[in-house]
All heavy atoms as atom14 arrays in JSON, in Angstrom:
{
  "sequence": "LKDHVLIKAADEEMDRKNPRMDSEYLMGFQLTTELLEQGKKFTAVAG",
  "atom14_mask": [
    [1, 1, 1, 1, 1, 1, 1, 1, 0, 0, 0, 0, 0, 0],
    [1, 1, 1, 1, 1, 1, 1, 1, 1, 0, 0, 0, 0, 0],
    [1, 1, 1, 1, 1, 1, 1, 1, 0, 0, 0, 0, 0, 0],
    [1, 1, 1, 1, 1, 1, 1, 1, 1, 1, 0, 0, 0, 0],
    [1, 1, 1, 1, 1, 1, 1, 0, 0, 0, 0, 0, 0, 0],
    [1, 1, 1, 1, 1, 1, 1, 1, 0, 0, 0, 0, 0, 0],
    [1, 1, 1, 1, 1, 1, 1, 1, 0, 0, 0, 0, 0, 0],
    [1, 1, 1, 1, 1, 1, 1, 1, 1, 0, 0, 0, 0, 0],
    [1, 1, 1, 1, 1, 0, 0, 0, 0, 0, 0, 0, 0, 0],
    [1, 1, 1, 1, 1, 0, 0, 0, 0, 0, 0, 0, 0, 0],
    [1, 1, 1, 1, 1, 1, 1, 1, 0, 0, 0, 0, 0, 0],
    [1, 1, 1, 1, 1, 1, 1, 1, 1, 0, 0, 0, 0, 0],
    [1, 1, 1, 1, 1, 1, 1, 1, 1, 0, 0, 0, 0, 0],
    [1, 1, 1, 1, 1, 1, 1, 1, 0, 0, 0, 0, 0, 0],
    [1, 1, 1, 1, 1, 1, 1, 1, 0, 0, 0, 0, 0, 0],
    [1, 1, 1, 1, 1, 1, 1, 1, 1, 1, 1, 0, 0, 0],
    [1, 1, 1, 1, 1, 1, 1, 1, 1, 0, 0, 0, 0, 0],
    [1, 1, 1, 1, 1, 1, 1, 1, 0, 0, 0, 0, 0, 0],
    [1, 1, 1, 1, 1, 1, 1, 0, 0, 0, 0, 0, 0, 0],
    [1, 1, 1, 1, 1, 1, 1, 1, 1, 1, 1, 0, 0, 0],
    [1, 1, 1, 1, 1, 1, 1, 1, 0, 0, 0, 0, 0, 0],
    [1, 1, 1, 1, 1, 1, 1, 1, 0, 0, 0, 0, 0, 0],
    [1, 1, 1, 1, 1, 1, 0, 0, 0, 0, 0, 0, 0, 0],
    [1, 1, 1, 1, 1, 1, 1, 1, 1, 0, 0, 0, 0, 0],
    [1, 1, 1, 1, 1, 1, 1, 1, 1, 1, 1, 1, 0, 0],
    [1, 1, 1, 1, 1, 1, 1, 1, 0, 0, 0, 0, 0, 0],
    [1, 1, 1, 1, 1, 1, 1, 1, 0, 0, 0, 0, 0, 0],
    [1, 1, 1, 1, 0, 0, 0, 0, 0, 0, 0, 0, 0, 0],
    [1, 1, 1, 1, 1, 1, 1, 1, 1, 1, 1, 0, 0, 0],
    [1, 1, 1, 1, 1, 1, 1, 1, 1, 0, 0, 0, 0, 0],
    [1, 1, 1, 1, 1, 1, 1, 1, 0, 0, 0, 0, 0, 0],
    [1, 1, 1, 1, 1, 1, 1, 0, 0, 0, 0, 0, 0, 0],
    [1, 1, 1, 1, 1, 1, 1, 0, 0, 0, 0, 0, 0, 0],
    [1, 1, 1, 1, 1, 1, 1, 1, 1, 0, 0, 0, 0, 0],
    [1, 1, 1, 1, 1, 1, 1, 1, 0, 0, 0, 0, 0, 0],
    [1, 1, 1, 1, 1, 1, 1, 1, 0, 0, 0, 0, 0, 0],
    [1, 1, 1, 1, 1, 1, 1, 1, 1, 0, 0, 0, 0, 0],
    [1, 1, 1, 1, 1, 1, 1, 1, 1, 0, 0, 0, 0, 0],
    [1, 1, 1, 1, 0, 0, 0, 0, 0, 0, 0, 0, 0, 0],
    [1, 1, 1, 1, 1, 1, 1, 1, 1, 0, 0, 0, 0, 0],
    [1, 1, 1, 1, 1, 1, 1, 1, 1, 0, 0, 0, 0, 0],
    [1, 1, 1, 1, 1, 1, 1, 1, 1, 1, 1, 0, 0, 0],
    [1, 1, 1, 1, 1, 1, 1, 0, 0, 0, 0, 0, 0, 0],
    [1, 1, 1, 1, 1, 0, 0, 0, 0, 0, 0, 0, 0, 0],
    [1, 1, 1, 1, 1, 1, 1, 0, 0, 0, 0, 0, 0, 0],
    [1, 1, 1, 1, 1, 0, 0, 0, 0, 0, 0, 0, 0, 0],
    [1, 1, 1, 1, 0, 0, 0, 0, 0, 0, 0, 0, 0, 0]
  ],
  "atom14_positions": [
    [[49.68, -32.55, 29.33], [50.84, -32.48, 30.35], [50.24, -33.18, 31.63], [50.73, -32.72, 32.7], [51.38, -31.12, 30.55], [52.05, -30.32, 29.44], [52.19, -28.86, 29.61], [53.37, -30.97, 29.24], [0.0, 0.0, 0.0], [0.0, 0.0, 0.0], [0.0, 0.0, 0.0], [0.0, 0.0, 0.0], [0.0, 0.0, 0.0], [0.0, 0.0, 0.0]],
    [[49.36, -33.94, 31.47], [48.67, -34.55, 32.71], [49.79, -35.17, 33.62], [49.69, -35.06, 34.87], [47.71, -35.66, 32.46], [47.01, -36.25, 33.66], [45.93, -37.31, 33.2], [45.38, -37.94, 34.41], [44.23, -38.93, 34.06], [0.0, 0.0, 0.0], [0.0, 0.0, 0.0], [0.0, 0.0, 0.0], [0.0, 0.0, 0.0], [0.0, 0.0, 0.0]],
    [[50.79, -35.96, 33.08], [51.76, -36.57, 33.94], [52.72, -35.64, 34.54], [53.69, -36.03, 35.13], [52.51, -37.64, 33.01], [51.52, -38.79, 32.73], [50.52, -38.94, 33.34], [51.7, -39.41, 31.56], [0.0, 0.0, 0.0], [0.0, 0.0, 0.0], [0.0, 0.0, 0.0], [0.0, 0.0, 0.0], [0.0, 0.0, 0.0], [0.0, 0.0, 0.0]],
    [[52.67, -34.38, 34.23], [53.65, -33.33, 34.78], [53.02, -32.69, 35.99], [53.71, -31.9, 36.4], [53.87, -32.34, 33.64], [54.72, -32.79, 32.53], [56.07, -32.46, 32.33], [54.42, -33.76, 31.6], [56.32, -33.1, 31.14], [55.49, -33.94, 30.77], [0.0, 0.0, 0.0], [0.0, 0.0, 0.0], [0.0, 0.0, 0.0], [0.0, 0.0, 0.0]],
    [[51.95, -33.17, 36.49], [51.42, -32.51, 37.76], [51.46, -33.5, 38.87], [51.06, -34.59, 38.79], [49.88, -32.26, 37.58], [49.32, -31.6, 38.85], [49.71, -31.26, 36.33], [0.0, 0.0, 0.0], [0.0, 0.0, 0.0], [0.0, 0.0, 0.0], [0.0, 0.0, 0.0], [0.0, 0.0, 0.0], [0.0, 0.0, 0.0], [0.0, 0.0, 0.0]],
    [[52.09, -33.02, 39.97], [52.28, -33.93, 41.23], [51.37, -33.39, 42.25], [51.4, -32.27, 42.66], [53.82, -33.87, 41.62], [54.0, -34.57, 43.03], [53.73, -36.12, 42.95], [55.48, -34.39, 43.34], [0.0, 0.0, 0.0], [0.0, 0.0, 0.0], [0.0, 0.0, 0.0], [0.0, 0.0, 0.0], [0.0, 0.0, 0.0], [0.0, 0.0, 0.0]],
    [[50.53, -34.22, 42.84], [49.55, -33.83, 43.92], [50.13, -34.3, 45.22], [50.52, -35.48, 45.43], [48.18, -34.49, 43.75], [47.64, -34.15, 42.34], [47.33, -34.0, 44.77], [47.52, -32.74, 41.94], [0.0, 0.0, 0.0], [0.0, 0.0, 0.0], [0.0, 0.0, 0.0], [0.0, 0.0, 0.0], [0.0, 0.0, 0.0], [0.0, 0.0, 0.0]],
    [[50.39, -33.42, 46.07], [51.02, -33.74, 47.47], [49.94, -33.22, 48.49], [49.76, -31.97, 48.77], [52.33, -32.85, 47.64], [52.97, -33.13, 48.97], [53.67, -34.49, 48.84], [54.67, -34.54, 50.15], [55.26, -35.91, 50.13], [0.0, 0.0, 0.0], [0.0, 0.0, 0.0], [0.0, 0.0, 0.0], [0.0, 0.0, 0.0], [0.0, 0.0, 0.0]],
    [[49.35, -34.19, 49.13], [48.3, -33.93, 50.25], [48.95, -34.19, 51.54], [49.58, -35.22, 51.79], [47.14, -34.83, 49.88], [0.0, 0.0, 0.0], [0.0, 0.0, 0.0], [0.0, 0.0, 0.0], [0.0, 0.0, 0.0], [0.0, 0.0, 0.0], [0.0, 0.0, 0.0], [0.0, 0.0, 0.0], [0.0, 0.0, 0.0], [0.0, 0.0, 0.0]],
    [[48.44, -33.4, 52.6], [48.66, -33.73, 53.9], [48.02, -34.91, 54.43], [47.03, -35.47, 53.86], [48.3, -32.59, 54.71], [0.0, 0.0, 0.0], [0.0, 0.0, 0.0], [0.0, 0.0, 0.0], [0.0, 0.0, 0.0], [0.0, 0.0, 0.0], [0.0, 0.0, 0.0], [0.0, 0.0, 0.0], [0.0, 0.0, 0.0], [0.0, 0.0, 0.0]],
    [[48.55, -35.52, 55.49], [48.02, -36.74, 56.11], [46.59, -36.53, 56.61], [46.31, -35.58, 57.09], [48.92, -37.37, 57.19], [48.5, -38.79, 57.53], [49.04, -39.73, 57.04], [47.71, -38.81, 58.48], [0.0, 0.0, 0.0], [0.0, 0.0, 0.0], [0.0, 0.0, 0.0], [0.0, 0.0, 0.0], [0.0, 0.0, 0.0], [0.0, 0.0, 0.0]],
    [[45.74, -37.52, 56.42], [44.33, -37.34, 56.91], [44.23, -37.2, 58.35], [43.34, -36.49, 58.9], [43.56, -38.76, 56.66], [43.23, -38.83, 55.21], [42.3, -40.07, 54.9], [41.61, -40.5, 55.87], [42.13, -40.51, 53.68], [0.0, 0.0, 0.0], [0.0, 0.0, 0.0], [0.0, 0.0, 0.0], [0.0, 0.0, 0.0], [0.0, 0.0, 0.0]],
    [[45.28, -37.49, 59.19], [45.26, -37.2, 60.56], [45.23, -35.73, 60.87], [44.74, -35.23, 61.94], [46.52, -37.76, 61.23], [46.69, -37.61, 62.62], [45.7, -38.3, 63.48], [45.1, -39.34, 62.98], [45.42, -37.85, 64.66], [0.0, 0.0, 0.0], [0.0, 0.0, 0.0], [0.0, 0.0, 0.0], [0.0, 0.0, 0.0], [0.0, 0.0, 0.0]],
    [[45.68, -34.88, 59.93], [45.71, -33.45, 60.22], [44.08, -32.96, 60.33], [44.0, -31.86, 61.11], [46.22, -32.76, 59.07], [47.85, -33.02, 58.91], [48.72, -32.47, 60.44], [48.6, -30.82, 60.3], [0.0, 0.0, 0.0], [0.0, 0.0, 0.0], [0.0, 0.0, 0.0], [0.0, 0.0, 0.0], [0.0, 0.0, 0.0], [0.0, 0.0, 0.0]],
    [[43.23, -33.55, 59.68], [41.83, -33.05, 59.77], [41.19, -33.43, 61.05], [40.06, -33.05, 61.37], [41.08, -33.53, 58.62], [40.91, -32.39, 57.54], [41.45, -31.31, 57.76], [40.34, -32.8, 56.36], [0.0, 0.0, 0.0], [0.0, 0.0, 0.0], [0.0, 0.0, 0.0], [0.0, 0.0, 0.0], [0.0, 0.0, 0.0], [0.0, 0.0, 0.0]],
    [[41.81, -34.51, 61.77], [41.19, -34.97, 62.9], [41.8, -34.23, 64.29], [41.4, -34.41, 65.39], [41.55, -36.45, 63.2], [40.69, -37.34, 62.18], [40.77, -38.82, 62.54], [42.0, -39.33, 62.15], [42.15, -39.89, 60.92], [41.26, -39.98, 60.07], [43.33, -40.44, 60.55], [0.0, 0.0, 0.0], [0.0, 0.0, 0.0], [0.0, 0.0, 0.0]],
    [[42.82, -33.29, 63.97], [43.31, -32.51, 65.0], [42.59, -31.15, 65.13], [42.16, -30.59, 64.02], [44.67, -32.24, 64.8], [45.77, -33.52, 64.82], [47.05, -33.16, 64.56], [48.04, -34.29, 64.65], [49.36, -34.01, 64.27], [0.0, 0.0, 0.0], [0.0, 0.0, 0.0], [0.0, 0.0, 0.0], [0.0, 0.0, 0.0], [0.0, 0.0, 0.0]],
    [[42.52, -30.58, 66.28], [41.99, -29.23, 66.41], [42.92, -28.19, 65.68], [44.18, -28.16, 66.1], [41.82, -28.82, 67.86], [40.64, -29.52, 68.52], [39.71, -30.03, 67.84], [40.59, -29.64, 69.82], [0.0, 0.0, 0.0], [0.0, 0.0, 0.0], [0.0, 0.0, 0.0], [0.0, 0.0, 0.0], [0.0, 0.0, 0.0], [0.0, 0.0, 0.0]],
    [[42.34, -27.47, 64.68], [43.24, -26.69, 63.92], [43.69, -25.51, 64.82], [43.12, -24.97, 65.67], [42.24, -26.13, 62.81], [40.9, -26.32, 63.25], [41.04, -27.47, 64.27], [0.0, 0.0, 0.0], [0.0, 0.0, 0.0], [0.0, 0.0, 0.0], [0.0, 0.0, 0.0], [0.0, 0.0, 0.0], [0.0, 0.0, 0.0], [0.0, 0.0, 0.0]],
    [[44.9, -25.15, 64.47], [45.61, -23.91, 65.09], [45.58, -22.73, 64.01], [45.3, -22.96, 62.82], [46.99, -24.19, 65.5], [47.05, -25.42, 66.47], [48.47, -25.64, 66.97], [49.6, -25.16, 66.06], [50.77, -25.37, 66.25], [51.22, -26.11, 67.41], [51.72, -24.85, 65.53], [0.0, 0.0, 0.0], [0.0, 0.0, 0.0], [0.0, 0.0, 0.0]],
    [[45.9, -21.56, 64.56], [46.07, -20.45, 63.56], [46.95, -20.65, 62.44], [46.86, -20.09, 61.21], [46.41, -19.23, 64.25], [45.35, -18.57, 65.25], [43.92, -18.1, 64.47], [44.39, -16.73, 63.46], [0.0, 0.0, 0.0], [0.0, 0.0, 0.0], [0.0, 0.0, 0.0], [0.0, 0.0, 0.0], [0.0, 0.0, 0.0], [0.0, 0.0, 0.0]],
    [[48.11, -21.47, 62.68], [49.12, -21.75, 61.68], [48.98, -23.04, 61.05], [49.93, -23.48, 60.39], [50.49, -21.5, 62.25], [50.73, -22.39, 63.59], [49.74, -23.09, 63.9], [51.86, -22.42, 63.88], [0.0, 0.0, 0.0], [0.0, 0.0, 0.0], [0.0, 0.0, 0.0], [0.0, 0.0, 0.0], [0.0, 0.0, 0.0], [0.0, 0.0, 0.0]],
    [[47.87, -23.79, 61.16], [47.86, -25.14, 60.75], [48.06, -25.25, 59.26], [48.87, -26.06, 58.58], [46.39, -25.86, 61.08], [46.43, -25.99, 62.5], [0.0, 0.0, 0.0], [0.0, 0.0, 0.0], [0.0, 0.0, 0.0], [0.0, 0.0, 0.0], [0.0, 0.0, 0.0], [0.0, 0.0, 0.0], [0.0, 0.0, 0.0], [0.0, 0.0, 0.0]],
    [[47.31, -24.47, 58.45], [47.42, -24.56, 57.06], [48.76, -24.08, 56.49], [49.29, -24.56, 55.59], [46.32, -23.71, 56.33], [44.97, -24.43, 56.56], [43.83, -23.63, 55.95], [43.93, -22.4, 56.02], [42.81, -24.11, 55.53], [0.0, 0.0, 0.0], [0.0, 0.0, 0.0], [0.0, 0.0, 0.0], [0.0, 0.0, 0.0], [0.0, 0.0, 0.0]],
    [[49.26, -22.93, 57.17], [50.6, -22.54, 56.8], [51.65, -23.6, 57.09], [52.6, -23.88, 56.16], [50.98, -21.29, 57.75], [52.42, -20.85, 57.78], [52.98, -20.1, 56.69], [53.35, -21.42, 58.61], [54.38, -19.81, 56.68], [54.6, -21.11, 58.76], [55.18, -20.38, 57.64], [56.44, -20.0, 57.64], [0.0, 0.0, 0.0], [0.0, 0.0, 0.0]],
    [[51.57, -24.25, 58.21], [52.5, -25.33, 58.49], [52.53, -26.53, 57.57], [53.43, -27.06, 57.23], [52.32, -25.85, 59.98], [52.79, -24.84, 60.98], [52.46, -25.42, 62.43], [54.16, -24.54, 60.95], [0.0, 0.0, 0.0], [0.0, 0.0, 0.0], [0.0, 0.0, 0.0], [0.0, 0.0, 0.0], [0.0, 0.0, 0.0], [0.0, 0.0, 0.0]],
    [[51.26, -26.84, 57.1], [50.98, -27.91, 56.08], [51.69, -27.51, 54.81], [52.46, -28.37, 54.22], [49.6, -28.08, 55.88], [48.96, -29.16, 56.84], [47.31, -29.65, 56.39], [46.28, -28.16, 56.99], [0.0, 0.0, 0.0], [0.0, 0.0, 0.0], [0.0, 0.0, 0.0], [0.0, 0.0, 0.0], [0.0, 0.0, 0.0], [0.0, 0.0, 0.0]],
    [[51.62, -26.27, 54.34], [52.1, -25.77, 53.13], [53.76, -25.8, 53.15], [54.35, -26.34, 52.3], [0.0, 0.0, 0.0], [0.0, 0.0, 0.0], [0.0, 0.0, 0.0], [0.0, 0.0, 0.0], [0.0, 0.0, 0.0], [0.0, 0.0, 0.0], [0.0, 0.0, 0.0], [0.0, 0.0, 0.0], [0.0, 0.0, 0.0], [0.0, 0.0, 0.0]],
    [[54.24, -25.36, 54.36], [55.69, -25.31, 54.57], [56.18, -26.9, 54.67], [57.22, -27.23, 53.89], [56.01, -24.71, 56.01], [57.49, -24.53, 56.24], [58.13, -23.39, 55.86], [58.18, -25.63, 56.95], [59.55, -23.27, 56.09], [59.56, -25.44, 57.09], [60.16, -24.32, 56.7], [0.0, 0.0, 0.0], [0.0, 0.0, 0.0], [0.0, 0.0, 0.0]],
    [[55.57, -27.7, 55.42], [56.12, -29.16, 55.42], [56.09, -29.83, 54.25], [56.95, -30.6, 53.8], [55.16, -29.81, 56.55], [55.63, -31.31, 56.76], [54.82, -32.03, 57.72], [54.03, -31.39, 58.56], [54.81, -33.4, 57.9], [0.0, 0.0, 0.0], [0.0, 0.0, 0.0], [0.0, 0.0, 0.0], [0.0, 0.0, 0.0], [0.0, 0.0, 0.0]],
    [[54.94, -29.77, 53.44], [54.75, -30.51, 52.19], [55.79, -29.97, 51.11], [56.39, -30.88, 50.47], [53.24, -30.25, 51.68], [52.13, -30.92, 52.47], [50.91, -30.54, 51.77], [52.29, -32.47, 52.45], [0.0, 0.0, 0.0], [0.0, 0.0, 0.0], [0.0, 0.0, 0.0], [0.0, 0.0, 0.0], [0.0, 0.0, 0.0], [0.0, 0.0, 0.0]],
    [[56.05, -28.7, 51.1], [57.09, -28.22, 50.18], [58.45, -28.6, 50.71], [59.25, -29.0, 49.69], [56.85, -26.65, 50.06], [55.62, -26.25, 49.82], [57.84, -26.07, 49.09], [0.0, 0.0, 0.0], [0.0, 0.0, 0.0], [0.0, 0.0, 0.0], [0.0, 0.0, 0.0], [0.0, 0.0, 0.0], [0.0, 0.0, 0.0], [0.0, 0.0, 0.0]],
    [[58.68, -28.62, 51.79], [59.96, -29.07, 52.32], [60.25, -30.52, 52.03], [61.25, -30.89, 51.6], [60.09, -28.87, 53.9], [59.9, -27.47, 54.15], [61.33, -29.37, 54.43], [0.0, 0.0, 0.0], [0.0, 0.0, 0.0], [0.0, 0.0, 0.0], [0.0, 0.0, 0.0], [0.0, 0.0, 0.0], [0.0, 0.0, 0.0], [0.0, 0.0, 0.0]],
    [[59.24, -31.38, 52.26], [59.28, -32.75, 51.81], [59.65, -32.86, 50.24], [60.32, -33.82, 49.82], [58.14, -33.55, 52.13], [57.87, -33.65, 53.74], [56.51, -34.29, 53.99], [55.73, -34.65, 53.05], [56.18, -34.43, 55.22], [0.0, 0.0, 0.0], [0.0, 0.0, 0.0], [0.0, 0.0, 0.0], [0.0, 0.0, 0.0], [0.0, 0.0, 0.0]],
    [[58.91, -32.24, 49.52], [59.13, -32.27, 48.11], [60.6, -31.94, 47.62], [61.2, -32.52, 46.85], [58.2, -31.32, 47.33], [56.7, -31.75, 47.23], [55.8, -30.58, 46.92], [56.54, -32.95, 46.29], [0.0, 0.0, 0.0], [0.0, 0.0, 0.0], [0.0, 0.0, 0.0], [0.0, 0.0, 0.0], [0.0, 0.0, 0.0], [0.0, 0.0, 0.0]],
    [[61.12, -30.91, 48.33], [62.49, -30.47, 48.07], [63.48, -31.59, 48.56], [64.46, -31.88, 47.83], [62.76, -29.14, 48.8], [62.02, -28.0, 48.2], [62.35, -26.73, 49.13], [62.38, -27.63, 46.72], [0.0, 0.0, 0.0], [0.0, 0.0, 0.0], [0.0, 0.0, 0.0], [0.0, 0.0, 0.0], [0.0, 0.0, 0.0], [0.0, 0.0, 0.0]],
    [[63.28, -32.12, 49.73], [63.97, -33.23, 50.24], [64.1, -34.45, 49.34], [65.1, -35.13, 49.43], [63.74, -33.44, 51.76], [64.03, -32.38, 52.85], [63.48, -32.62, 54.08], [62.69, -33.57, 54.23], [63.78, -31.9, 55.07], [0.0, 0.0, 0.0], [0.0, 0.0, 0.0], [0.0, 0.0, 0.0], [0.0, 0.0, 0.0], [0.0, 0.0, 0.0]],
    [[62.97, -34.69, 48.97], [62.84, -35.92, 47.98], [63.5, -35.66, 46.55], [63.48, -36.53, 45.72], [61.3, -36.16, 47.76], [60.75, -36.64, 49.09], [59.15, -36.79, 48.91], [58.6, -36.45, 47.97], [58.58, -37.03, 50.07], [0.0, 0.0, 0.0], [0.0, 0.0, 0.0], [0.0, 0.0, 0.0], [0.0, 0.0, 0.0], [0.0, 0.0, 0.0]],
    [[64.0, -34.48, 46.25], [64.7, -34.12, 45.1], [63.7, -33.84, 43.89], [64.18, -34.0, 42.77], [0.0, 0.0, 0.0], [0.0, 0.0, 0.0], [0.0, 0.0, 0.0], [0.0, 0.0, 0.0], [0.0, 0.0, 0.0], [0.0, 0.0, 0.0], [0.0, 0.0, 0.0], [0.0, 0.0, 0.0], [0.0, 0.0, 0.0], [0.0, 0.0, 0.0]],
    [[62.46, -33.6, 44.2], [61.49, -33.27, 43.06], [61.76, -32.1, 42.39], [62.15, -30.99, 42.98], [60.08, -33.29, 43.65], [59.58, -34.58, 44.5], [59.45, -35.72, 43.69], [59.0, -36.92, 44.37], [58.81, -38.13, 43.56], [0.0, 0.0, 0.0], [0.0, 0.0, 0.0], [0.0, 0.0, 0.0], [0.0, 0.0, 0.0], [0.0, 0.0, 0.0]],
    [[61.73, -32.07, 41.03], [61.96, -30.88, 40.19], [60.58, -30.32, 39.71], [59.7, -30.98, 39.14], [62.83, -31.27, 39.02], [64.09, -31.88, 39.35], [65.11, -30.87, 40.09], [66.36, -31.43, 40.55], [67.04, -30.44, 41.27], [0.0, 0.0, 0.0], [0.0, 0.0, 0.0], [0.0, 0.0, 0.0], [0.0, 0.0, 0.0], [0.0, 0.0, 0.0]],
    [[60.38, -29.07, 39.96], [59.2, -28.42, 39.56], [59.52, -26.88, 39.45], [60.49, -26.24, 40.05], [58.09, -28.53, 40.63], [58.47, -28.26, 41.99], [58.42, -27.07, 42.6], [59.03, -29.41, 42.73], [58.87, -26.82, 43.85], [59.35, -29.19, 44.12], [59.38, -27.93, 44.62], [0.0, 0.0, 0.0], [0.0, 0.0, 0.0], [0.0, 0.0, 0.0]],
    [[58.78, -26.21, 38.65], [58.97, -24.78, 38.5], [57.83, -24.04, 39.08], [57.87, -22.73, 39.02], [59.23, -24.43, 37.0], [57.88, -24.76, 36.27], [60.19, -25.17, 36.32], [0.0, 0.0, 0.0], [0.0, 0.0, 0.0], [0.0, 0.0, 0.0], [0.0, 0.0, 0.0], [0.0, 0.0, 0.0], [0.0, 0.0, 0.0], [0.0, 0.0, 0.0]],
    [[56.77, -24.56, 39.48], [55.67, -23.86, 40.23], [55.12, -24.78, 41.25], [54.95, -25.87, 41.14], [54.8, -23.47, 39.13], [0.0, 0.0, 0.0], [0.0, 0.0, 0.0], [0.0, 0.0, 0.0], [0.0, 0.0, 0.0], [0.0, 0.0, 0.0], [0.0, 0.0, 0.0], [0.0, 0.0, 0.0], [0.0, 0.0, 0.0], [0.0, 0.0, 0.0]],
    [[54.56, -24.02, 42.28], [53.67, -24.66, 43.24], [52.28, -23.98, 43.31], [52.3, -22.75, 43.33], [54.41, -24.57, 44.8], [53.5, -25.07, 45.8], [55.71, -25.2, 44.74], [0.0, 0.0, 0.0], [0.0, 0.0, 0.0], [0.0, 0.0, 0.0], [0.0, 0.0, 0.0], [0.0, 0.0, 0.0], [0.0, 0.0, 0.0], [0.0, 0.0, 0.0]],
    [[51.28, -24.77, 43.37], [49.81, -24.28, 43.54], [49.36, -24.7, 44.88], [49.49, -25.94, 45.26], [49.08, -24.79, 42.51], [0.0, 0.0, 0.0], [0.0, 0.0, 0.0], [0.0, 0.0, 0.0], [0.0, 0.0, 0.0], [0.0, 0.0, 0.0], [0.0, 0.0, 0.0], [0.0, 0.0, 0.0], [0.0, 0.0, 0.0], [0.0, 0.0, 0.0]],
    [[48.98, -23.7, 45.61], [48.34, -24.09, 46.96], [46.87, -24.17, 46.99], [46.24, -23.18, 46.25], [0.0, 0.0, 0.0], [0.0, 0.0, 0.0], [0.0, 0.0, 0.0], [0.0, 0.0, 0.0], [0.0, 0.0, 0.0], [0.0, 0.0, 0.0], [0.0, 0.0, 0.0], [0.0, 0.0, 0.0], [0.0, 0.0, 0.0], [0.0, 0.0, 0.0]]
  ]
}
């Protein structure tokens, strides 16, 4: 099932910013929102 895994990574610019307490949380929220808006179909998310 190799082709059934979609990797979604945050932009490299995120590592060049000073992290905030909620940086990783916001990345998870934003990346998942983008996947939903793009109409991707999946039954599980791994963080």
